[in-house]
């Protein structure tokens, strides 16, 4: 069994879905991960608490130091996995931008 198979899954809760955006609240138990995925749309992340997440990609791993309410954005297309490396639950809101008008 590889390391990813032993991690719990982060829990996504879709709060809004329409023709312009998808808003998802992600809850990560300690050690939980999103699983490898690729966004089809540009997106914004709004952390709901302070902590560190590990972002894995084909280019390697990066530790993200996140602060409550300090948002960041990413472009669509990068395959990645996000892991909670804190010893406490971590949450963020993800806003995917489907249409630009």
PDB file of N, CA and C in Angstrom:
ATOM      1  N   UNK A   1       0.843  -1.176   0.000  1.00  0.00           N
ATOM      2  CA  UNK A   1       0.000   0.000   0.000  1.00  0.00           C
ATOM      3  C   UNK A   1       0.887   1.238   0.000  1.00  0.00           C
ATOM      4  N   UNK A   2       0.604   2.192  -0.920  1.00  0.00           N
ATOM      5  CA  UNK A   2       1.399   3.411  -0.927  1.00  0.00           C
ATOM      6  C   UNK A   2       0.874   4.391   0.121  1.00  0.00           C
ATOM      7  N   UNK A   3       1.650   5.437   0.378  1.00  0.00           N
ATOM      8  CA  UNK A   3       1.311   6.390   1.435  1.00  0.00           C
ATOM      9  C   UNK A   3      -0.062   7.015   1.225  1.00  0.00           C
ATOM     10  N   UNK A   4      -0.411   7.340  -0.022  1.00  0.00           N
ATOM     11  CA  UNK A   4      -1.694   7.962  -0.317  1.00  0.00           C
ATOM     12  C   UNK A   4      -2.867   7.065   0.072  1.00  0.00           C
ATOM     13  N   UNK A   5      -2.730   5.763  -0.103  1.00  0.00           N
ATOM     14  CA  UNK A   5      -3.822   4.852   0.222  1.00  0.00           C
ATOM     15  C   UNK A   5      -4.094   4.789   1.719  1.00  0.00           C
ATOM     16  N   UNK A   6      -3.144   5.195   2.549  1.00  0.00           N
ATOM     17  CA  UNK A   6      -3.336   5.133   3.988  1.00  0.00           C
ATOM     18  C   UNK A   6      -3.887   6.434   4.563  1.00  0.00           C
ATOM     19  N   UNK A   7      -4.031   7.472   3.761  1.00  0.00           N
ATOM     20  CA  UNK A   7      -4.523   8.759   4.232  1.00  0.00           C
ATOM     21  C   UNK A   7      -6.045   8.815   4.161  1.00  0.00           C
ATOM     22  N   UNK A   8      -6.676   9.480   5.152  1.00  0.00           N
ATOM     23  CA  UNK A   8      -8.123   9.703   5.036  1.00  0.00           C
ATOM     24  C   UNK A   8      -8.405  10.725   3.936  1.00  0.00           C
ATOM     25  N   UNK A   9      -9.624  10.712   3.434  1.00  0.00           N
ATOM     26  CA  UNK A   9     -10.016  11.654   2.383  1.00  0.00           C
ATOM     27  C   UNK A   9     -10.548  12.944   2.999  1.00  0.00           C
ATOM     28  N   UNK A  10     -10.131  14.070   2.431  1.00  0.00           N
ATOM     29  CA  UNK A  10     -10.728  15.355   2.794  1.00  0.00           C
ATOM     30  C   UNK A  10     -12.190  15.328   2.351  1.00  0.00           C
ATOM     31  N   UNK A  11     -13.029  16.099   3.032  1.00  0.00           N
ATOM     32  CA  UNK A  11     -14.466  16.073   2.760  1.00  0.00           C
ATOM     33  C   UNK A  11     -14.892  17.375   2.073  1.00  0.00           C
ATOM     34  N   UNK A  12     -15.346  17.283   0.804  1.00  0.00           N
ATOM     35  CA  UNK A  12     -15.849  18.469   0.118  1.00  0.00           C
ATOM     36  C   UNK A  12     -17.361  18.607   0.322  1.00  0.00           C
ATOM     37  N   UNK A  13     -17.802  19.831   0.586  1.00  0.00           N
ATOM     38  CA  UNK A  13     -19.236  20.126   0.682  1.00  0.00           C
ATOM     39  C   UNK A  13     -19.526  21.277  -0.271  1.00  0.00           C
ATOM     40  N   UNK A  14     -20.271  20.985  -1.328  1.00  0.00           N
ATOM     41  CA  UNK A  14     -20.603  22.032  -2.303  1.00  0.00           C
ATOM     42  C   UNK A  14     -21.660  22.936  -1.693  1.00  0.00           C
ATOM     43  N   UNK A  15     -21.361  24.233  -1.654  1.00  0.00           N
ATOM     44  CA  UNK A  15     -22.265  25.217  -1.077  1.00  0.00           C
ATOM     45  C   UNK A  15     -23.070  25.952  -2.143  1.00  0.00           C
ATOM     46  N   UNK A  16     -22.433  26.215  -3.284  1.00  0.00           N
ATOM     47  CA  UNK A  16     -23.095  26.896  -4.395  1.00  0.00           C
ATOM     48  C   UNK A  16     -22.612  26.262  -5.686  1.00  0.00           C
ATOM     49  N   UNK A  17     -23.552  26.003  -6.588  1.00  0.00           N
ATOM     50  CA  UNK A  17     -23.203  25.543  -7.938  1.00  0.00           C
ATOM     51  C   UNK A  17     -24.196  26.190  -8.894  1.00  0.00           C
ATOM     52  N   UNK A  18     -23.676  26.977  -9.825  1.00  0.00           N
ATOM     53  CA  UNK A  18     -24.526  27.555 -10.855  1.00  0.00           C
ATOM     54  C   UNK A  18     -23.730  27.644 -12.149  1.00  0.00           C
ATOM     55  N   UNK A  19     -24.198  28.411 -13.118  1.00  0.00           N
ATOM     56  CA  UNK A  19     -23.518  28.451 -14.414  1.00  0.00           C
ATOM     57  C   UNK A  19     -22.259  29.314 -14.412  1.00  0.00           C
ATOM     58  N   UNK A  20     -21.957  29.987 -13.286  1.00  0.00           N
ATOM     59  CA  UNK A  20     -20.778  30.859 -13.221  1.00  0.00           C
ATOM     60  C   UNK A  20     -19.726  30.404 -12.232  1.00  0.00           C
ATOM     61  N   UNK A  21     -20.142  29.774 -11.101  1.00  0.00           N
ATOM     62  CA  UNK A  21     -19.187  29.397 -10.057  1.00  0.00           C
ATOM     63  C   UNK A  21     -19.581  28.085  -9.380  1.00  0.00           C
ATOM     64  N   UNK A  22     -18.581  27.465  -8.769  1.00  0.00           N
ATOM     65  CA  UNK A  22     -18.803  26.370  -7.827  1.00  0.00           C
ATOM     66  C   UNK A  22     -18.041  26.749  -6.565  1.00  0.00           C
ATOM     67  N   UNK A  23     -18.759  26.784  -5.437  1.00  0.00           N
ATOM     68  CA  UNK A  23     -18.147  27.094  -4.151  1.00  0.00           C
ATOM     69  C   UNK A  23     -18.183  25.828  -3.302  1.00  0.00           C
ATOM     70  N   UNK A  24     -17.012  25.370  -2.877  1.00  0.00           N
ATOM     71  CA  UNK A  24     -16.885  24.138  -2.097  1.00  0.00           C
ATOM     72  C   UNK A  24     -16.143  24.423  -0.810  1.00  0.00           C
ATOM     73  N   UNK A  25     -16.684  23.930   0.296  1.00  0.00           N
ATOM     74  CA  UNK A  25     -15.966  23.992   1.579  1.00  0.00           C
ATOM     75  C   UNK A  25     -15.254  22.661   1.750  1.00  0.00           C
ATOM     76  N   UNK A  26     -13.930  22.706   1.921  1.00  0.00           N
ATOM     77  CA  UNK A  26     -13.114  21.508   2.114  1.00  0.00           C
ATOM     78  C   UNK A  26     -12.740  21.394   3.587  1.00  0.00           C
ATOM     79  N   UNK A  27     -12.987  20.225   4.174  1.00  0.00           N
ATOM     80  CA  UNK A  27     -12.616  19.943   5.566  1.00  0.00           C
ATOM     81  C   UNK A  27     -11.615  18.789   5.570  1.00  0.00           C
ATOM     82  N   UNK A  28     -10.478  19.033   6.197  1.00  0.00           N
ATOM     83  CA  UNK A  28      -9.385  18.064   6.252  1.00  0.00           C
ATOM     84  C   UNK A  28      -9.133  17.653   7.700  1.00  0.00           C
ATOM     85  N   UNK A  29      -9.337  16.396   8.015  1.00  0.00           N
ATOM     86  CA  UNK A  29      -8.862  15.880   9.302  1.00  0.00           C
ATOM     87  C   UNK A  29      -7.335  15.882   9.250  1.00  0.00           C
ATOM     88  N   UNK A  30      -6.648  15.782  10.390  1.00  0.00           N
ATOM     89  CA  UNK A  30      -5.191  15.682  10.344  1.00  0.00           C
ATOM     90  C   UNK A  30      -4.752  14.540   9.420  1.00  0.00           C
ATOM     91  N   UNK A  31      -3.863  14.837   8.486  1.00  0.00           N
ATOM     92  CA  UNK A  31      -3.363  13.837   7.554  1.00  0.00           C
ATOM     93  C   UNK A  31      -4.236  13.586   6.345  1.00  0.00           C
ATOM     94  N   UNK A  32      -5.410  14.203   6.260  1.00  0.00           N
ATOM     95  CA  UNK A  32      -6.325  13.960   5.132  1.00  0.00           C
ATOM     96  C   UNK A  32      -5.824  14.626   3.860  1.00  0.00           C
ATOM     97  N   UNK A  33      -6.254  14.087   2.721  1.00  0.00           N
ATOM     98  CA  UNK A  33      -5.841  14.600   1.415  1.00  0.00           C
ATOM     99  C   UNK A  33      -7.031  14.713   0.480  1.00  0.00           C
ATOM    100  N   UNK A  34      -6.855  15.558  -0.558  1.00  0.00           N
ATOM    101  CA  UNK A  34      -7.887  15.678  -1.586  1.00  0.00           C
ATOM    102  C   UNK A  34      -7.845  14.491  -2.542  1.00  0.00           C
ATOM    103  N   UNK A  35      -6.676  13.903  -2.712  1.00  0.00           N
ATOM    104  CA  UNK A  35      -6.459  12.941  -3.791  1.00  0.00           C
ATOM    105  C   UNK A  35      -6.011  13.712  -5.020  1.00  0.00           C
ATOM    106  N   UNK A  36      -5.294  13.047  -5.906  1.00  0.00           N
ATOM    107  CA  UNK A  36      -4.776  13.705  -7.113  1.00  0.00           C
ATOM    108  C   UNK A  36      -5.934  14.131  -7.991  1.00  0.00           C
ATOM    109  N   UNK A  37      -5.887  15.380  -8.450  1.00  0.00           N
ATOM    110  CA  UNK A  37      -6.942  15.914  -9.299  1.00  0.00           C
ATOM    111  C   UNK A  37      -6.411  17.084 -10.119  1.00  0.00           C
ATOM    112  N   UNK A  38      -7.193  17.476 -11.114  1.00  0.00           N
ATOM    113  CA  UNK A  38      -6.839  18.595 -11.992  1.00  0.00           C
ATOM    114  C   UNK A  38      -8.077  19.480 -12.131  1.00  0.00           C
ATOM    115  N   UNK A  39      -7.919  20.769 -11.891  1.00  0.00           N
ATOM    116  CA  UNK A  39      -9.040  21.706 -12.024  1.00  0.00           C
ATOM    117  C   UNK A  39      -9.250  22.060 -13.486  1.00  0.00           C
ATOM    118  N   UNK A  40     -10.496  22.052 -13.908  1.00  0.00           N
ATOM    119  CA  UNK A  40     -10.844  22.438 -15.275  1.00  0.00           C
ATOM    120  C   UNK A  40     -11.045  23.948 -15.393  1.00  0.00           C
ATOM    121  N   UNK A  41     -11.065  24.633 -14.243  1.00  0.00           N
ATOM    122  CA  UNK A  41     -11.337  26.070 -14.210  1.00  0.00           C
ATOM    123  C   UNK A  41     -10.346  26.761 -13.269  1.00  0.00           C
ATOM    124  N   UNK A  42     -10.116  28.053 -13.506  1.00  0.00           N
ATOM    125  CA  UNK A  42      -9.352  28.850 -12.553  1.00  0.00           C
ATOM    126  C   UNK A  42     -10.099  28.842 -11.226  1.00  0.00           C
ATOM    127  N   UNK A  43      -9.361  29.010 -10.116  1.00  0.00           N
ATOM    128  CA  UNK A  43     -10.027  28.951  -8.816  1.00  0.00           C
ATOM    129  C   UNK A  43      -9.322  29.798  -7.773  1.00  0.00           C
ATOM    130  N   UNK A  44     -10.056  30.093  -6.724  1.00  0.00           N
ATOM    131  CA  UNK A  44      -9.586  30.885  -5.592  1.00  0.00           C
ATOM    132  C   UNK A  44      -9.763  30.038  -4.343  1.00  0.00           C
ATOM    133  N   UNK A  45      -8.785  30.098  -3.426  1.00  0.00           N
ATOM    134  CA  UNK A  45      -8.869  29.391  -2.145  1.00  0.00           C
ATOM    135  C   UNK A  45      -8.872  30.433  -1.036  1.00  0.00           C
ATOM    136  N   UNK A  46      -9.829  30.292  -0.094  1.00  0.00           N
ATOM    137  CA  UNK A  46      -9.933  31.182   1.064  1.00  0.00           C
ATOM    138  C   UNK A  46      -9.775  30.317   2.324  1.00  0.00           C
ATOM    139  N   UNK A  47      -8.613  30.337   2.976  1.00  0.00           N
ATOM    140  CA  UNK A  47      -8.414  29.547   4.192  1.00  0.00           C
ATOM    141  C   UNK A  47      -9.339  30.030   5.319  1.00  0.00           C
ATOM    142  N   UNK A  48      -9.866  29.083   6.089  1.00  0.00           N
ATOM    143  CA  UNK A  48     -10.742  29.417   7.206  1.00  0.00           C
ATOM    144  C   UNK A  48     -10.025  29.375   8.547  1.00  0.00           C
ATOM    145  N   UNK A  49      -8.761  28.952   8.538  1.00  0.00           N
ATOM    146  CA  UNK A  49      -7.942  28.982   9.746  1.00  0.00           C
ATOM    147  C   UNK A  49      -6.466  29.050   9.358  1.00  0.00           C
ATOM    148  N   UNK A  50      -5.611  29.200  10.351  1.00  0.00           N
ATOM    149  CA  UNK A  50      -4.165  29.225  10.140  1.00  0.00           C
ATOM    150  C   UNK A  50      -3.654  27.789  10.094  1.00  0.00           C
ATOM    151  N   UNK A  51      -2.652  27.524   9.260  1.00  0.00           N
ATOM    152  CA  UNK A  51      -2.057  26.202   9.233  1.00  0.00           C
ATOM    153  C   UNK A  51      -1.204  25.993   8.004  1.00  0.00           C
ATOM    154  N   UNK A  52      -0.756  24.750   7.853  1.00  0.00           N
ATOM    155  CA  UNK A  52       0.099  24.376   6.729  1.00  0.00           C
ATOM    156  C   UNK A  52      -0.553  23.227   5.952  1.00  0.00           C
ATOM    157  N   UNK A  53      -0.484  23.336   4.645  1.00  0.00           N
ATOM    158  CA  UNK A  53      -0.901  22.252   3.769  1.00  0.00           C
ATOM    159  C   UNK A  53       0.279  21.893   2.889  1.00  0.00           C
ATOM    160  N   UNK A  54       0.371  20.620   2.527  1.00  0.00           N
ATOM    161  CA  UNK A  54       1.387  20.152   1.599  1.00  0.00           C
ATOM    162  C   UNK A  54       0.726  19.992   0.239  1.00  0.00           C
ATOM    163  N   UNK A  55       1.259  20.668  -0.771  1.00  0.00           N
ATOM    164  CA  UNK A  55       0.746  20.558  -2.138  1.00  0.00           C
ATOM    165  C   UNK A  55       1.743  19.745  -2.951  1.00  0.00           C
ATOM    166  N   UNK A  56       1.283  18.603  -3.448  1.00  0.00           N
ATOM    167  CA  UNK A  56       2.117  17.736  -4.293  1.00  0.00           C
ATOM    168  C   UNK A  56       1.726  17.952  -5.747  1.00  0.00           C
ATOM    169  N   UNK A  57       2.727  17.985  -6.629  1.00  0.00           N
ATOM    170  CA  UNK A  57       2.476  18.053  -8.069  1.00  0.00           C
ATOM    171  C   UNK A  57       3.589  17.301  -8.774  1.00  0.00           C
ATOM    172  N   UNK A  58       3.509  17.250 -10.082  1.00  0.00           N
ATOM    173  CA  UNK A  58       4.570  16.602 -10.863  1.00  0.00           C
ATOM    174  C   UNK A  58       5.903  17.311 -10.682  1.00  0.00           C
ATOM    175  N   UNK A  59       5.856  18.582 -10.294  1.00  0.00           N
ATOM    176  CA  UNK A  59       7.074  19.367 -10.111  1.00  0.00           C
ATOM    177  C   UNK A  59       7.672  19.207  -8.722  1.00  0.00           C
ATOM    178  N   UNK A  60       7.003  18.460  -7.834  1.00  0.00           N
ATOM    179  CA  UNK A  60       7.496  18.261  -6.478  1.00  0.00           C
ATOM    180  C   UNK A  60       6.477  18.684  -5.445  1.00  0.00           C
ATOM    181  N   UNK A  61       6.926  18.806  -4.202  1.00  0.00           N
ATOM    182  CA  UNK A  61       6.045  19.160  -3.089  1.00  0.00           C
ATOM    183  C   UNK A  61       6.385  20.546  -2.565  1.00  0.00           C
ATOM    184  N   UNK A  62       5.356  21.275  -2.149  1.00  0.00           N
ATOM    185  CA  UNK A  62       5.512  22.610  -1.598  1.00  0.00           C
ATOM    186  C   UNK A  62       4.662  22.719  -0.344  1.00  0.00           C
ATOM    187  N   UNK A  63       5.237  23.262   0.723  1.00  0.00           N
ATOM    188  CA  UNK A  63       4.468  23.523   1.932  1.00  0.00           C
ATOM    189  C   UNK A  63       3.880  24.917   1.839  1.00  0.00           C
ATOM    190  N   UNK A  64       2.564  25.000   2.016  1.00  0.00           N
ATOM    191  CA  UNK A  64       1.858  26.274   1.970  1.00  0.00           C
ATOM    192  C   UNK A  64       1.566  26.726   3.392  1.00  0.00           C
ATOM    193  N   UNK A  65       2.026  27.911   3.775  1.00  0.00           N
ATOM    194  CA  UNK A  65       1.696  28.515   5.064  1.00  0.00           C
ATOM    195  C   UNK A  65       0.480  29.398   4.841  1.00  0.00           C
ATOM    196  N   UNK A  66      -0.649  29.004   5.388  1.00  0.00           N
ATOM    197  CA  UNK A  66      -1.905  29.698   5.112  1.00  0.00           C
ATOM    198  C   UNK A  66      -2.415  30.416   6.343  1.00  0.00           C
ATOM    199  N   UNK A  67      -3.070  31.549   6.120  1.00  0.00           N
ATOM    200  CA  UNK A  67      -3.623  32.364   7.197  1.00  0.00           C
ATOM    201  C   UNK A  67      -5.112  32.591   6.947  1.00  0.00           C
ATOM    202  N   UNK A  68      -5.865  32.634   8.010  1.00  0.00           N
ATOM    203  CA  UNK A  68      -7.300  32.842   7.936  1.00  0.00           C
ATOM    204  C   UNK A  68      -7.637  34.049   7.065  1.00  0.00           C
ATOM    205  N   UNK A  69      -8.471  33.822   6.046  1.00  0.00           N
ATOM    206  CA  UNK A  69      -8.957  34.909   5.207  1.00  0.00           C
ATOM    207  C   UNK A  69      -7.992  35.454   4.195  1.00  0.00           C
ATOM    208  N   UNK A  70      -6.759  34.931   4.128  1.00  0.00           N
ATOM    209  CA  UNK A  70      -5.782  35.411   3.147  1.00  0.00           C
ATOM    210  C   UNK A  70      -5.859  34.491   1.929  1.00  0.00           C
ATOM    211  N   UNK A  71      -6.532  34.963   0.896  1.00  0.00           N
ATOM    212  CA  UNK A  71      -6.842  34.154  -0.287  1.00  0.00           C
ATOM    213  C   UNK A  71      -5.664  34.042  -1.242  1.00  0.00           C
ATOM    214  N   UNK A  72      -5.703  33.004  -2.074  1.00  0.00           N
ATOM    215  CA  UNK A  72      -4.772  32.878  -3.191  1.00  0.00           C
ATOM    216  C   UNK A  72      -5.514  32.274  -4.361  1.00  0.00           C
ATOM    217  N   UNK A  73      -4.960  32.419  -5.558  1.00  0.00           N
ATOM    218  CA  UNK A  73      -5.618  31.883  -6.750  1.00  0.00           C
ATOM    219  C   UNK A  73      -4.656  31.026  -7.546  1.00  0.00           C
ATOM    220  N   UNK A  74      -5.223  30.132  -8.327  1.00  0.00           N
ATOM    221  CA  UNK A  74      -4.450  29.249  -9.199  1.00  0.00           C
ATOM    222  C   UNK A  74      -5.182  29.135 -10.538  1.00  0.00           C
ATOM    223  N   UNK A  75      -4.416  28.889 -11.572  1.00  0.00           N
ATOM    224  CA  UNK A  75      -4.987  28.647 -12.888  1.00  0.00           C
ATOM    225  C   UNK A  75      -5.363  27.179 -13.041  1.00  0.00           C
ATOM    226  N   UNK A  76      -6.278  26.932 -13.914  1.00  0.00           N
ATOM    227  CA  UNK A  76      -6.700  25.569 -14.226  1.00  0.00           C
ATOM    228  C   UNK A  76      -5.538  24.775 -14.811  1.00  0.00           C
ATOM    229  N   UNK A  77      -5.641  23.450 -14.673  1.00  0.00           N
ATOM    230  CA  UNK A  77      -4.765  22.588 -15.428  1.00  0.00           C
ATOM    231  C   UNK A  77      -3.660  21.847 -14.724  1.00  0.00           C
ATOM    232  N   UNK A  78      -3.242  22.265 -13.529  1.00  0.00           N
ATOM    233  CA  UNK A  78      -2.129  21.595 -12.856  1.00  0.00           C
ATOM    234  C   UNK A  78      -2.667  20.431 -12.028  1.00  0.00           C
ATOM    235  N   UNK A  79      -2.168  19.230 -12.296  1.00  0.00           N
ATOM    236  CA  UNK A  79      -2.566  18.075 -11.497  1.00  0.00           C
ATOM    237  C   UNK A  79      -1.847  18.147 -10.155  1.00  0.00           C
ATOM    238  N   UNK A  80      -2.607  17.922  -9.064  1.00  0.00           N
ATOM    239  CA  UNK A  80      -2.019  18.062  -7.738  1.00  0.00           C
ATOM    240  C   UNK A  80      -2.819  17.295  -6.682  1.00  0.00           C
ATOM    241  N   UNK A  81      -2.227  17.184  -5.510  1.00  0.00           N
ATOM    242  CA  UNK A  81      -2.840  16.577  -4.334  1.00  0.00           C
ATOM    243  C   UNK A  81      -2.535  17.510  -3.173  1.00  0.00           C
ATOM    244  N   UNK A  82      -3.519  17.731  -2.292  1.00  0.00           N
ATOM    245  CA  UNK A  82      -3.336  18.615  -1.145  1.00  0.00           C
ATOM    246  C   UNK A  82      -3.528  17.812   0.134  1.00  0.00           C
ATOM    247  N   UNK A  83      -2.582  17.953   1.078  1.00  0.00           N
ATOM    248  CA  UNK A  83      -2.574  17.148   2.302  1.00  0.00           C
ATOM    249  C   UNK A  83      -2.499  18.076   3.518  1.00  0.00           C
ATOM    250  N   UNK A  84      -3.322  17.799   4.520  1.00  0.00           N
ATOM    251  CA  UNK A  84      -3.268  18.538   5.785  1.00  0.00           C
ATOM    252  C   UNK A  84      -2.133  17.959   6.627  1.00  0.00           C
ATOM    253  N   UNK A  85      -1.077  18.736   6.836  1.00  0.00           N
ATOM    254  CA  UNK A  85       0.069  18.260   7.621  1.00  0.00           C
ATOM    255  C   UNK A  85       0.031  18.795   9.051  1.00  0.00           C
ATOM    256  N   UNK A  86      -1.089  19.413   9.427  1.00  0.00           N
ATOM    257  CA  UNK A  86      -1.277  19.894  10.796  1.00  0.00           C
ATOM    258  C   UNK A  86      -1.771  18.753  11.676  1.00  0.00           C
ATOM    259  N   UNK A  87      -1.694  18.941  12.989  1.00  0.00           N
ATOM    260  CA  UNK A  87      -2.253  17.950  13.904  1.00  0.00           C
ATOM    261  C   UNK A  87      -3.655  18.362  14.353  1.00  0.00           C
ATOM    262  N   UNK A  88      -4.298  19.208  13.533  1.00  0.00           N
ATOM    263  CA  UNK A  88      -5.668  19.669  13.790  1.00  0.00           C
ATOM    264  C   UNK A  88      -6.404  19.764  12.453  1.00  0.00           C
ATOM    265  N   UNK A  89      -7.731  19.852  12.525  1.00  0.00           N
ATOM    266  CA  UNK A  89      -8.544  19.974  11.320  1.00  0.00           C
ATOM    267  C   UNK A  89      -8.251  21.299  10.632  1.00  0.00           C
ATOM    268  N   UNK A  90      -8.231  21.262   9.303  1.00  0.00           N
ATOM    269  CA  UNK A  90      -8.010  22.469   8.509  1.00  0.00           C
ATOM    270  C   UNK A  90      -9.136  22.575   7.492  1.00  0.00           C
ATOM    271  N   UNK A  91      -9.603  23.810   7.245  1.00  0.00           N
ATOM    272  CA  UNK A  91     -10.679  24.012   6.286  1.00  0.00           C
ATOM    273  C   UNK A  91     -10.389  25.207   5.389  1.00  0.00           C
ATOM    274  N   UNK A  92     -10.887  25.113   4.144  1.00  0.00           N
ATOM    275  CA  UNK A  92     -10.850  26.265   3.255  1.00  0.00           C
ATOM    276  C   UNK A  92     -12.048  26.232   2.330  1.00  0.00           C
ATOM    277  N   UNK A  93     -12.341  27.403   1.776  1.00  0.00           N
ATOM    278  CA  UNK A  93     -13.375  27.544   0.757  1.00  0.00           C
ATOM    279  C   UNK A  93     -12.669  27.641  -0.596  1.00  0.00           C
ATOM    280  N   UNK A  94     -13.155  26.874  -1.557  1.00  0.00           N
ATOM    281  CA  UNK A  94     -12.611  26.896  -2.921  1.00  0.00           C
ATOM    282  C   UNK A  94     -13.698  27.444  -3.849  1.00  0.00           C
ATOM    283  N   UNK A  95     -13.351  28.450  -4.631  1.00  0.00           N
ATOM    284  CA  UNK A  95     -14.295  29.068  -5.567  1.00  0.00           C
ATOM    285  C   UNK A  95     -13.768  28.859  -6.978  1.00  0.00           C
ATOM    286  N   UNK A  96     -14.459  28.026  -7.734  1.00  0.00           N
ATOM    287  CA  UNK A  96     -14.084  27.775  -9.129  1.00  0.00           C
ATOM    288  C   UNK A  96     -14.877  28.701 -10.029  1.00  0.00           C
ATOM    289  N   UNK A  97     -14.177  29.340 -10.975  1.00  0.00           N
ATOM    290  CA  UNK A  97     -14.787  30.315 -11.866  1.00  0.00           C
ATOM    291  C   UNK A  97     -15.095  29.628 -13.200  1.00  0.00           C
ATOM    292  N   UNK A  98     -16.379  29.420 -13.472  1.00  0.00           N
ATOM    293  CA  UNK A  98     -16.777  28.671 -14.657  1.00  0.00           C
ATOM    294  C   UNK A  98     -16.924  29.548 -15.889  1.00  0.00           C
ATOM    295  N   UNK A  99     -17.506  30.711 -15.733  1.00  0.00           N
ATOM    296  CA  UNK A  99     -17.751  31.618 -16.858  1.00  0.00           C
ATOM    297  C   UNK A  99     -17.288  33.003 -16.500  1.00  0.00           C
ATOM    298  N   UNK A 100     -16.687  33.663 -17.441  1.00  0.00           N
ATOM    299  CA  UNK A 100     -16.332  35.080 -17.260  1.00  0.00           C
ATOM    300  C   UNK A 100     -17.229  35.889 -18.182  1.00  0.00           C
ATOM    301  N   UNK A 101     -17.880  36.880 -17.632  1.00  0.00           N
ATOM    302  CA  UNK A 101     -18.777  37.704 -18.446  1.00  0.00           C
ATOM    303  C   UNK A 101     -18.246  39.109 -18.554  1.00  0.00           C
TER     304      UNK A 101
END
